Amino acid sequence: DFKTRKSVVKKEQEVLGGKFNKENY
């Protein structure tokens, strides 16, 4: 949003399978 300078994540890619954690990389 240009006026408020706030961001809204409309969608984040889902990585299925139950094993993914970005903190592991």
mmCIF file of all heavy atoms, coordinates in Angstrom:
data_MODEL
# 
_entry.id   MODEL 
# 
loop_
_atom_site.group_PDB 
_atom_site.id 
_atom_site.type_symbol 
_atom_site.label_atom_id 
_atom_site.label_alt_id 
_atom_site.label_comp_id 
_atom_site.label_asym_id 
_atom_site.label_entity_id 
_atom_site.label_seq_id 
_atom_site.pdbx_PDB_ins_code 
_atom_site.Cartn_x 
_atom_site.Cartn_y 
_atom_site.Cartn_z 
_atom_site.occupancy 
_atom_site.B_iso_or_equiv 
_atom_site.pdbx_formal_charge 
_atom_site.auth_seq_id 
_atom_site.auth_comp_id 
_atom_site.auth_asym_id 
_atom_site.auth_atom_id 
_atom_site.pdbx_PDB_model_num 
ATOM 1   N N   . ASP A 1 1  ? 0.843  -1.197  0.000  1.00 0.00 ? 1  ASP A N   1 
ATOM 2   C CA  . ASP A 1 1  ? 0.000  0.000   0.000  1.00 0.00 ? 1  ASP A CA  1 
ATOM 3   C C   . ASP A 1 1  ? 0.878  1.247   0.000  1.00 0.00 ? 1  ASP A C   1 
ATOM 4   O O   . ASP A 1 1  ? 1.665  1.464   0.923  1.00 0.00 ? 1  ASP A O   1 
ATOM 5   C CB  . ASP A 1 1  ? -0.912 -0.005  1.227  1.00 0.00 ? 1  ASP A CB  1 
ATOM 6   C CG  . ASP A 1 1  ? -1.974 1.092   1.159  1.00 0.00 ? 1  ASP A CG  1 
ATOM 7   O OD1 . ASP A 1 1  ? -1.598 2.277   1.192  1.00 0.00 ? 1  ASP A OD1 1 
ATOM 8   O OD2 . ASP A 1 1  ? -3.165 0.750   1.082  1.00 0.00 ? 1  ASP A OD2 1 
ATOM 9   N N   . PHE A 1 2  ? 0.763  2.065   -1.046 1.00 0.00 ? 2  PHE A N   1 
ATOM 10  C CA  . PHE A 1 2  ? 1.607  3.250   -1.160 1.00 0.00 ? 2  PHE A CA  1 
ATOM 11  C C   . PHE A 1 2  ? 1.402  4.224   -0.001 1.00 0.00 ? 2  PHE A C   1 
ATOM 12  O O   . PHE A 1 2  ? 2.360  4.840   0.491  1.00 0.00 ? 2  PHE A O   1 
ATOM 13  C CB  . PHE A 1 2  ? 1.317  3.988   -2.479 1.00 0.00 ? 2  PHE A CB  1 
ATOM 14  C CG  . PHE A 1 2  ? 1.740  3.247   -3.708 1.00 0.00 ? 2  PHE A CG  1 
ATOM 15  C CD1 . PHE A 1 2  ? 0.802  2.861   -4.660 1.00 0.00 ? 2  PHE A CD1 1 
ATOM 16  C CD2 . PHE A 1 2  ? 3.072  2.944   -3.943 1.00 0.00 ? 2  PHE A CD2 1 
ATOM 17  C CE1 . PHE A 1 2  ? 1.186  2.194   -5.811 1.00 0.00 ? 2  PHE A CE1 1 
ATOM 18  C CE2 . PHE A 1 2  ? 3.470  2.270   -5.083 1.00 0.00 ? 2  PHE A CE2 1 
ATOM 19  C CZ  . PHE A 1 2  ? 2.514  1.894   -6.022 1.00 0.00 ? 2  PHE A CZ  1 
ATOM 20  N N   . LYS A 1 3  ? 0.159  4.394   0.438  1.00 0.00 ? 3  LYS A N   1 
ATOM 21  C CA  . LYS A 1 3  ? -0.138 5.398   1.464  1.00 0.00 ? 3  LYS A CA  1 
ATOM 22  C C   . LYS A 1 3  ? 0.293  4.950   2.856  1.00 0.00 ? 3  LYS A C   1 
ATOM 23  O O   . LYS A 1 3  ? 0.922  5.705   3.609  1.00 0.00 ? 3  LYS A O   1 
ATOM 24  C CB  . LYS A 1 3  ? -1.641 5.729   1.454  1.00 0.00 ? 3  LYS A CB  1 
ATOM 25  C CG  . LYS A 1 3  ? -2.128 6.358   0.154  1.00 0.00 ? 3  LYS A CG  1 
ATOM 26  C CD  . LYS A 1 3  ? -1.414 7.670   -0.153 1.00 0.00 ? 3  LYS A CD  1 
ATOM 27  C CE  . LYS A 1 3  ? -1.958 8.308   -1.441 1.00 0.00 ? 3  LYS A CE  1 
ATOM 28  N NZ  . LYS A 1 3  ? -1.200 9.536   -1.812 1.00 0.00 ? 3  LYS A NZ  1 
ATOM 29  N N   . THR A 1 4  ? -0.040 3.725   3.228  1.00 0.00 ? 4  THR A N   1 
ATOM 30  C CA  . THR A 1 4  ? 0.283  3.251   4.580  1.00 0.00 ? 4  THR A CA  1 
ATOM 31  C C   . THR A 1 4  ? 1.685  2.661   4.663  1.00 0.00 ? 4  THR A C   1 
ATOM 32  O O   . THR A 1 4  ? 2.211  2.458   5.746  1.00 0.00 ? 4  THR A O   1 
ATOM 33  C CB  . THR A 1 4  ? -0.726 2.181   5.021  1.00 0.00 ? 4  THR A CB  1 
ATOM 34  O OG1 . THR A 1 4  ? -0.587 1.026   4.181  1.00 0.00 ? 4  THR A OG1 1 
ATOM 35  C CG2 . THR A 1 4  ? -2.157 2.718   4.940  1.00 0.00 ? 4  THR A CG2 1 
ATOM 36  N N   . ARG A 1 5  ? 2.265  2.350   3.491  1.00 0.00 ? 5  ARG A N   1 
ATOM 37  C CA  . ARG A 1 5  ? 3.582  1.702   3.396  1.00 0.00 ? 5  ARG A CA  1 
ATOM 38  C C   . ARG A 1 5  ? 3.588  0.336   4.088  1.00 0.00 ? 5  ARG A C   1 
ATOM 39  O O   . ARG A 1 5  ? 4.602  -0.121  4.622  1.00 0.00 ? 5  ARG A O   1 
ATOM 40  C CB  . ARG A 1 5  ? 4.690  2.585   3.955  1.00 0.00 ? 5  ARG A CB  1 
ATOM 41  C CG  . ARG A 1 5  ? 4.889  3.887   3.199  1.00 0.00 ? 5  ARG A CG  1 
ATOM 42  C CD  . ARG A 1 5  ? 6.231  4.516   3.512  1.00 0.00 ? 5  ARG A CD  1 
ATOM 43  N NE  . ARG A 1 5  ? 6.389  5.785   2.806  1.00 0.00 ? 5  ARG A NE  1 
ATOM 44  C CZ  . ARG A 1 5  ? 7.516  6.492   2.785  1.00 0.00 ? 5  ARG A CZ  1 
ATOM 45  N NH1 . ARG A 1 5  ? 8.585  6.057   3.458  1.00 0.00 ? 5  ARG A NH1 1 
ATOM 46  N NH2 . ARG A 1 5  ? 7.590  7.623   2.129  1.00 0.00 ? 5  ARG A NH2 1 
ATOM 47  N N   . LYS A 1 6  ? 2.452  -0.318  4.075  1.00 0.00 ? 6  LYS A N   1 
ATOM 48  C CA  . LYS A 1 6  ? 2.356  -1.652  4.657  1.00 0.00 ? 6  LYS A CA  1 
ATOM 49  C C   . LYS A 1 6  ? 2.175  -2.689  3.556  1.00 0.00 ? 6  LYS A C   1 
ATOM 50  O O   . LYS A 1 6  ? 1.542  -2.433  2.540  1.00 0.00 ? 6  LYS A O   1 
ATOM 51  C CB  . LYS A 1 6  ? 1.190  -1.716  5.647  1.00 0.00 ? 6  LYS A CB  1 
ATOM 52  C CG  . LYS A 1 6  ? 1.416  -0.876  6.900  1.00 0.00 ? 6  LYS A CG  1 
ATOM 53  C CD  . LYS A 1 6  ? 0.273  -1.044  7.885  1.00 0.00 ? 6  LYS A CD  1 
ATOM 54  C CE  . LYS A 1 6  ? 0.530  -0.230  9.157  1.00 0.00 ? 6  LYS A CE  1 
ATOM 55  N NZ  . LYS A 1 6  ? -0.589 -0.374  10.134 1.00 0.00 ? 6  LYS A NZ  1 
ATOM 56  N N   . SER A 1 7  ? 2.735  -3.860  3.811  1.00 0.00 ? 7  SER A N   1 
ATOM 57  C CA  . SER A 1 7  ? 2.653  -4.960  2.856  1.00 0.00 ? 7  SER A CA  1 
ATOM 58  C C   . SER A 1 7  ? 1.728  -6.052  3.369  1.00 0.00 ? 7  SER A C   1 
ATOM 59  O O   . SER A 1 7  ? 1.708  -6.348  4.565  1.00 0.00 ? 7  SER A O   1 
ATOM 60  C CB  . SER A 1 7  ? 4.049  -5.560  2.606  1.00 0.00 ? 7  SER A CB  1 
ATOM 61  O OG  . SER A 1 7  ? 4.896  -4.620  1.990  1.00 0.00 ? 7  SER A OG  1 
ATOM 62  N N   . VAL A 1 8  ? 0.973  -6.625  2.453  1.00 0.00 ? 8  VAL A N   1 
ATOM 63  C CA  . VAL A 1 8  ? 0.103  -7.747  2.781  1.00 0.00 ? 8  VAL A CA  1 
ATOM 64  C C   . VAL A 1 8  ? 0.474  -8.908  1.863  1.00 0.00 ? 8  VAL A C   1 
ATOM 65  O O   . VAL A 1 8  ? 0.460  -8.771  0.633  1.00 0.00 ? 8  VAL A O   1 
ATOM 66  C CB  . VAL A 1 8  ? -1.385 -7.393  2.584  1.00 0.00 ? 8  VAL A CB  1 
ATOM 67  C CG1 . VAL A 1 8  ? -2.253 -8.620  2.834  1.00 0.00 ? 8  VAL A CG1 1 
ATOM 68  C CG2 . VAL A 1 8  ? -1.788 -6.245  3.499  1.00 0.00 ? 8  VAL A CG2 1 
ATOM 69  N N   . VAL A 1 9  ? 0.832  -10.029 2.459  1.00 0.00 ? 9  VAL A N   1 
ATOM 70  C CA  . VAL A 1 9  ? 1.152  -11.221 1.671  1.00 0.00 ? 9  VAL A CA  1 
ATOM 71  C C   . VAL A 1 9  ? -0.160 -11.849 1.219  1.00 0.00 ? 9  VAL A C   1 
ATOM 72  O O   . VAL A 1 9  ? -0.932 -12.364 2.027  1.00 0.00 ? 9  VAL A O   1 
ATOM 73  C CB  . VAL A 1 9  ? 1.981  -12.232 2.489  1.00 0.00 ? 9  VAL A CB  1 
ATOM 74  C CG1 . VAL A 1 9  ? 2.224  -13.496 1.667  1.00 0.00 ? 9  VAL A CG1 1 
ATOM 75  C CG2 . VAL A 1 9  ? 3.304  -11.619 2.926  1.00 0.00 ? 9  VAL A CG2 1 
ATOM 76  N N   . LYS A 1 10 ? -0.412 -11.780 -0.081 1.00 0.00 ? 10 LYS A N   1 
ATOM 77  C CA  . LYS A 1 10 ? -1.660 -12.320 -0.620 1.00 0.00 ? 10 LYS A CA  1 
ATOM 78  C C   . LYS A 1 10 ? -1.587 -13.835 -0.792 1.00 0.00 ? 10 LYS A C   1 
ATOM 79  O O   . LYS A 1 10 ? -2.597 -14.529 -0.721 1.00 0.00 ? 10 LYS A O   1 
ATOM 80  C CB  . LYS A 1 10 ? -1.976 -11.669 -1.967 1.00 0.00 ? 10 LYS A CB  1 
ATOM 81  C CG  . LYS A 1 10 ? -2.047 -10.157 -1.921 1.00 0.00 ? 10 LYS A CG  1 
ATOM 82  C CD  . LYS A 1 10 ? -3.163 -9.658  -1.028 1.00 0.00 ? 10 LYS A CD  1 
ATOM 83  C CE  . LYS A 1 10 ? -4.529 -9.920  -1.595 1.00 0.00 ? 10 LYS A CE  1 
ATOM 84  N NZ  . LYS A 1 10 ? -5.611 -9.333  -0.770 1.00 0.00 ? 10 LYS A NZ  1 
ATOM 85  N N   . LYS A 1 11 ? -0.389 -14.310 -1.017 1.00 0.00 ? 11 LYS A N   1 
ATOM 86  C CA  . LYS A 1 11 ? -0.222 -15.743 -1.174 1.00 0.00 ? 11 LYS A CA  1 
ATOM 87  C C   . LYS A 1 11 ? 1.242  -16.105 -1.003 1.00 0.00 ? 11 LYS A C   1 
ATOM 88  O O   . LYS A 1 11 ? 2.121  -15.393 -1.501 1.00 0.00 ? 11 LYS A O   1 
ATOM 89  C CB  . LYS A 1 11 ? -0.694 -16.200 -2.563 1.00 0.00 ? 11 LYS A CB  1 
ATOM 90  C CG  . LYS A 1 11 ? -0.539 -17.703 -2.787 1.00 0.00 ? 11 LYS A CG  1 
ATOM 91  C CD  . LYS A 1 11 ? -1.008 -18.111 -4.159 1.00 0.00 ? 11 LYS A CD  1 
ATOM 92  C CE  . LYS A 1 11 ? -0.837 -19.616 -4.352 1.00 0.00 ? 11 LYS A CE  1 
ATOM 93  N NZ  . LYS A 1 11 ? -1.297 -20.068 -5.679 1.00 0.00 ? 11 LYS A NZ  1 
ATOM 94  N N   . GLU A 1 12 ? 1.498  -17.181 -0.271 1.00 0.00 ? 12 GLU A N   1 
ATOM 95  C CA  . GLU A 1 12 ? 2.850  -17.725 -0.189 1.00 0.00 ? 12 GLU A CA  1 
ATOM 96  C C   . GLU A 1 12 ? 2.810  -19.149 -0.727 1.00 0.00 ? 12 GLU A C   1 
ATOM 97  O O   . GLU A 1 12 ? 1.914  -19.925 -0.392 1.00 0.00 ? 12 GLU A O   1 
ATOM 98  C CB  . GLU A 1 12 ? 3.375  -17.726 1.248  1.00 0.00 ? 12 GLU A CB  1 
ATOM 99  C CG  . GLU A 1 12 ? 4.802  -18.262 1.352  1.00 0.00 ? 12 GLU A CG  1 
ATOM 100 C CD  . GLU A 1 12 ? 5.399  -18.114 2.753  1.00 0.00 ? 12 GLU A CD  1 
ATOM 101 O OE1 . GLU A 1 12 ? 5.945  -17.045 3.048  1.00 0.00 ? 12 GLU A OE1 1 
ATOM 102 O OE2 . GLU A 1 12 ? 5.284  -19.073 3.534  1.00 0.00 ? 12 GLU A OE2 1 
ATOM 103 N N   . GLN A 1 13 ? 3.759  -19.460 -1.580 1.00 0.00 ? 13 GLN A N   1 
ATOM 104 C CA  . GLN A 1 13 ? 3.846  -20.803 -2.152 1.00 0.00 ? 13 GLN A CA  1 
ATOM 105 C C   . GLN A 1 13 ? 3.868  -21.850 -1.049 1.00 0.00 ? 13 GLN A C   1 
ATOM 106 O O   . GLN A 1 13 ? 4.681  -21.788 -0.132 1.00 0.00 ? 13 GLN A O   1 
ATOM 107 C CB  . GLN A 1 13 ? 5.108  -20.904 -3.016 1.00 0.00 ? 13 GLN A CB  1 
ATOM 108 C CG  . GLN A 1 13 ? 5.384  -22.283 -3.567 1.00 0.00 ? 13 GLN A CG  1 
ATOM 109 C CD  . GLN A 1 13 ? 6.743  -22.367 -4.247 1.00 0.00 ? 13 GLN A CD  1 
ATOM 110 O OE1 . GLN A 1 13 ? 7.438  -21.367 -4.397 1.00 0.00 ? 13 GLN A OE1 1 
ATOM 111 N NE2 . GLN A 1 13 ? 7.129  -23.555 -4.662 1.00 0.00 ? 13 GLN A NE2 1 
ATOM 112 N N   . GLU A 1 14 ? 2.953  -22.796 -1.137 1.00 0.00 ? 14 GLU A N   1 
ATOM 113 C CA  . GLU A 1 14 ? 2.910  -23.886 -0.164 1.00 0.00 ? 14 GLU A CA  1 
ATOM 114 C C   . GLU A 1 14 ? 3.811  -25.023 -0.623 1.00 0.00 ? 14 GLU A C   1 
ATOM 115 O O   . GLU A 1 14 ? 3.737  -25.445 -1.775 1.00 0.00 ? 14 GLU A O   1 
ATOM 116 C CB  . GLU A 1 14 ? 1.481  -24.406 0.004  1.00 0.00 ? 14 GLU A CB  1 
ATOM 117 C CG  . GLU A 1 14 ? 0.547  -23.443 0.701  1.00 0.00 ? 14 GLU A CG  1 
ATOM 118 C CD  . GLU A 1 14 ? -0.808 -24.073 0.956  1.00 0.00 ? 14 GLU A CD  1 
ATOM 119 O OE1 . GLU A 1 14 ? -0.847 -25.144 1.606  1.00 0.00 ? 14 GLU A OE1 1 
ATOM 120 O OE2 . GLU A 1 14 ? -1.824 -23.524 0.493  1.00 0.00 ? 14 GLU A OE2 1 
ATOM 121 N N   . VAL A 1 15 ? 4.651  -25.491 0.273  1.00 0.00 ? 15 VAL A N   1 
ATOM 122 C CA  . VAL A 1 15 ? 5.479  -26.657 -0.011 1.00 0.00 ? 15 VAL A CA  1 
ATOM 123 C C   . VAL A 1 15 ? 4.927  -27.797 0.825  1.00 0.00 ? 15 VAL A C   1 
ATOM 124 O O   . VAL A 1 15 ? 5.071  -27.819 2.049  1.00 0.00 ? 15 VAL A O   1 
ATOM 125 C CB  . VAL A 1 15 ? 6.960  -26.399 0.330  1.00 0.00 ? 15 VAL A CB  1 
ATOM 126 C CG1 . VAL A 1 15 ? 7.798  -27.625 -0.009 1.00 0.00 ? 15 VAL A CG1 1 
ATOM 127 C CG2 . VAL A 1 15 ? 7.468  -25.177 -0.426 1.00 0.00 ? 15 VAL A CG2 1 
ATOM 128 N N   . LEU A 1 16 ? 4.263  -28.729 0.144  1.00 0.00 ? 16 LEU A N   1 
ATOM 129 C CA  . LEU A 1 16 ? 3.588  -29.814 0.855  1.00 0.00 ? 16 LEU A CA  1 
ATOM 130 C C   . LEU A 1 16 ? 4.566  -30.932 1.181  1.00 0.00 ? 16 LEU A C   1 
ATOM 131 O O   . LEU A 1 16 ? 5.734  -30.891 0.840  1.00 0.00 ? 16 LEU A O   1 
ATOM 132 C CB  . LEU A 1 16 ? 2.428  -30.335 0.001  1.00 0.00 ? 16 LEU A CB  1 
ATOM 133 C CG  . LEU A 1 16 ? 1.391  -29.280 -0.437 1.00 0.00 ? 16 LEU A CG  1 
ATOM 134 C CD1 . LEU A 1 16 ? 0.284  -29.944 -1.241 1.00 0.00 ? 16 LEU A CD1 1 
ATOM 135 C CD2 . LEU A 1 16 ? 0.815  -28.540 0.764  1.00 0.00 ? 16 LEU A CD2 1 
ATOM 136 N N   . GLY A 1 17 ? 4.062  -31.929 1.835  1.00 0.00 ? 17 GLY A N   1 
ATOM 137 C CA  . GLY A 1 17 ? 4.884  -33.093 2.177  1.00 0.00 ? 17 GLY A CA  1 
ATOM 138 C C   . GLY A 1 17 ? 5.255  -33.136 3.640  1.00 0.00 ? 17 GLY A C   1 
ATOM 139 O O   . GLY A 1 17 ? 5.715  -34.154 4.145  1.00 0.00 ? 17 GLY A O   1 
ATOM 140 N N   . GLY A 1 18 ? 5.076  -32.020 4.344  1.00 0.00 ? 18 GLY A N   1 
ATOM 141 C CA  . GLY A 1 18 ? 5.282  -32.011 5.789  1.00 0.00 ? 18 GLY A CA  1 
ATOM 142 C C   . GLY A 1 18 ? 6.706  -31.932 6.258  1.00 0.00 ? 18 GLY A C   1 
ATOM 143 O O   . GLY A 1 18 ? 6.965  -31.850 7.458  1.00 0.00 ? 18 GLY A O   1 
ATOM 144 N N   . LYS A 1 19 ? 7.685  -31.941 5.353  1.00 0.00 ? 19 LYS A N   1 
ATOM 145 C CA  . LYS A 1 19 ? 9.082  -31.976 5.771  1.00 0.00 ? 19 LYS A CA  1 
ATOM 146 C C   . LYS A 1 19 ? 9.799  -30.645 5.592  1.00 0.00 ? 19 LYS A C   1 
ATOM 147 O O   . LYS A 1 19 ? 10.882 -30.455 6.134  1.00 0.00 ? 19 LYS A O   1 
ATOM 148 C CB  . LYS A 1 19 ? 9.838  -33.061 4.990  1.00 0.00 ? 19 LYS A CB  1 
ATOM 149 C CG  . LYS A 1 19 ? 9.344  -34.479 5.265  1.00 0.00 ? 19 LYS A CG  1 
ATOM 150 C CD  . LYS A 1 19 ? 10.157 -35.493 4.471  1.00 0.00 ? 19 LYS A CD  1 
ATOM 151 C CE  . LYS A 1 19 ? 9.684  -36.909 4.741  1.00 0.00 ? 19 LYS A CE  1 
ATOM 152 N NZ  . LYS A 1 19 ? 10.470 -37.914 3.964  1.00 0.00 ? 19 LYS A NZ  1 
ATOM 153 N N   . PHE A 1 20 ? 9.198  -29.723 4.840  1.00 0.00 ? 20 PHE A N   1 
ATOM 154 C CA  . PHE A 1 20 ? 9.926  -28.494 4.528  1.00 0.00 ? 20 PHE A CA  1 
ATOM 155 C C   . PHE A 1 20 ? 9.856  -27.483 5.665  1.00 0.00 ? 20 PHE A C   1 
ATOM 156 O O   . PHE A 1 20 ? 8.784  -27.168 6.191  1.00 0.00 ? 20 PHE A O   1 
ATOM 157 C CB  . PHE A 1 20 ? 9.386  -27.845 3.256  1.00 0.00 ? 20 PHE A CB  1 
ATOM 158 C CG  . PHE A 1 20 ? 10.029 -26.516 2.971  1.00 0.00 ? 20 PHE A CG  1 
ATOM 159 C CD1 . PHE A 1 20 ? 11.340 -26.458 2.512  1.00 0.00 ? 20 PHE A CD1 1 
ATOM 160 C CD2 . PHE A 1 20 ? 9.352  -25.333 3.191  1.00 0.00 ? 20 PHE A CD2 1 
ATOM 161 C CE1 . PHE A 1 20 ? 11.950 -25.231 2.264  1.00 0.00 ? 20 PHE A CE1 1 
ATOM 162 C CE2 . PHE A 1 20 ? 9.942  -24.105 2.938  1.00 0.00 ? 20 PHE A CE2 1 
ATOM 163 C CZ  . PHE A 1 20 ? 11.251 -24.060 2.475  1.00 0.00 ? 20 PHE A CZ  1 
ATOM 164 N N   . ASN A 1 21 ? 11.026 -26.989 6.037  1.00 0.00 ? 21 ASN A N   1 
ATOM 165 C CA  . ASN A 1 21 ? 11.147 -25.876 6.981  1.00 0.00 ? 21 ASN A CA  1 
ATOM 166 C C   . ASN A 1 21 ? 12.307 -25.026 6.485  1.00 0.00 ? 21 ASN A C   1 
ATOM 167 O O   . ASN A 1 21 ? 13.444 -25.500 6.418  1.00 0.00 ? 21 ASN A O   1 
ATOM 168 C CB  . ASN A 1 21 ? 11.422 -26.396 8.396  1.00 0.00 ? 21 ASN A CB  1 
ATOM 169 C CG  . ASN A 1 21 ? 11.532 -25.266 9.410  1.00 0.00 ? 21 ASN A CG  1 
ATOM 170 O OD1 . ASN A 1 21 ? 11.703 -24.097 9.064  1.00 0.00 ? 21 ASN A OD1 1 
ATOM 171 N ND2 . ASN A 1 21 ? 11.443 -25.618 10.692 1.00 0.00 ? 21 ASN A ND2 1 
ATOM 172 N N   . LYS A 1 22 ? 12.026 -23.793 6.119  1.00 0.00 ? 22 LYS A N   1 
ATOM 173 C CA  . LYS A 1 22 ? 13.077 -22.966 5.513  1.00 0.00 ? 22 LYS A CA  1 
ATOM 174 C C   . LYS A 1 22 ? 14.255 -22.736 6.456  1.00 0.00 ? 22 LYS A C   1 
ATOM 175 O O   . LYS A 1 22 ? 15.361 -22.419 6.007  1.00 0.00 ? 22 LYS A O   1 
ATOM 176 C CB  . LYS A 1 22 ? 12.516 -21.626 5.039  1.00 0.00 ? 22 LYS A CB  1 
ATOM 177 C CG  . LYS A 1 22 ? 11.949 -20.720 6.114  1.00 0.00 ? 22 LYS A CG  1 
ATOM 178 C CD  . LYS A 1 22 ? 11.351 -19.477 5.472  1.00 0.00 ? 22 LYS A CD  1 
ATOM 179 C CE  . LYS A 1 22 ? 10.741 -18.553 6.507  1.00 0.00 ? 22 LYS A CE  1 
ATOM 180 N NZ  . LYS A 1 22 ? 10.135 -17.349 5.874  1.00 0.00 ? 22 LYS A NZ  1 
ATOM 181 N N   . GLU A 1 23 ? 14.029 -22.938 7.755  1.00 0.00 ? 23 GLU A N   1 
ATOM 182 C CA  . GLU A 1 23 ? 15.116 -22.763 8.720  1.00 0.00 ? 23 GLU A CA  1 
ATOM 183 C C   . GLU A 1 23 ? 16.143 -23.891 8.629  1.00 0.00 ? 23 GLU A C   1 
ATOM 184 O O   . GLU A 1 23 ? 17.230 -23.799 9.209  1.00 0.00 ? 23 GLU A O   1 
ATOM 185 C CB  . GLU A 1 23 ? 14.547 -22.702 10.147 1.00 0.00 ? 23 GLU A CB  1 
ATOM 186 C CG  . GLU A 1 23 ? 13.583 -21.545 10.382 1.00 0.00 ? 23 GLU A CG  1 
ATOM 187 C CD  . GLU A 1 23 ? 14.219 -20.200 10.080 1.00 0.00 ? 23 GLU A CD  1 
ATOM 188 O OE1 . GLU A 1 23 ? 15.426 -20.020 10.380 1.00 0.00 ? 23 GLU A OE1 1 
ATOM 189 O OE2 . GLU A 1 23 ? 13.519 -19.328 9.527  1.00 0.00 ? 23 GLU A OE2 1 
ATOM 190 N N   . ASN A 1 24 ? 15.798 -24.945 7.883  1.00 0.00 ? 24 ASN A N   1 
ATOM 191 C CA  . ASN A 1 24 ? 16.735 -26.065 7.727  1.00 0.00 ? 24 ASN A CA  1 
ATOM 192 C C   . ASN A 1 24 ? 17.770 -25.830 6.633  1.00 0.00 ? 24 ASN A C   1 
ATOM 193 O O   . ASN A 1 24 ? 18.652 -26.659 6.418  1.00 0.00 ? 24 ASN A O   1 
ATOM 194 C CB  . ASN A 1 24 ? 15.970 -27.357 7.401  1.00 0.00 ? 24 ASN A CB  1 
ATOM 195 C CG  . ASN A 1 24 ? 15.141 -27.840 8.579  1.00 0.00 ? 24 ASN A CG  1 
ATOM 196 O OD1 . ASN A 1 24 ? 15.447 -27.533 9.733  1.00 0.00 ? 24 ASN A OD1 1 
ATOM 197 N ND2 . ASN A 1 24 ? 14.084 -28.584 8.288  1.00 0.00 ? 24 ASN A ND2 1 
ATOM 198 N N   . TYR A 1 25 ? 17.653 -24.696 5.936  1.00 0.00 ? 25 TYR A N   1 
ATOM 199 C CA  . TYR A 1 25 ? 18.526 -24.431 4.798  1.00 0.00 ? 25 TYR A CA  1 
ATOM 200 C C   . TYR A 1 25 ? 19.276 -23.123 4.984  1.00 0.00 ? 25 TYR A C   1 
ATOM 201 O O   . TYR A 1 25 ? 18.797 -22.200 5.645  1.00 0.00 ? 25 TYR A O   1 
ATOM 202 C CB  . TYR A 1 25 ? 17.715 -24.409 3.500  1.00 0.00 ? 25 TYR A CB  1 
ATOM 203 C CG  . TYR A 1 25 ? 16.932 -25.681 3.293  1.00 0.00 ? 25 TYR A CG  1 
ATOM 204 C CD1 . TYR A 1 25 ? 15.634 -25.812 3.794  1.00 0.00 ? 25 TYR A CD1 1 
ATOM 205 C CD2 . TYR A 1 25 ? 17.502 -26.768 2.637  1.00 0.00 ? 25 TYR A CD2 1 
ATOM 206 C CE1 . TYR A 1 25 ? 14.920 -26.987 3.640  1.00 0.00 ? 25 TYR A CE1 1 
ATOM 207 C CE2 . TYR A 1 25 ? 16.788 -27.957 2.479  1.00 0.00 ? 25 TYR A CE2 1 
ATOM 208 C CZ  . TYR A 1 25 ? 15.502 -28.052 2.983  1.00 0.00 ? 25 TYR A CZ  1 
ATOM 209 O OH  . TYR A 1 25 ? 14.802 -29.224 2.832  1.00 0.00 ? 25 TYR A OH  1 
# 
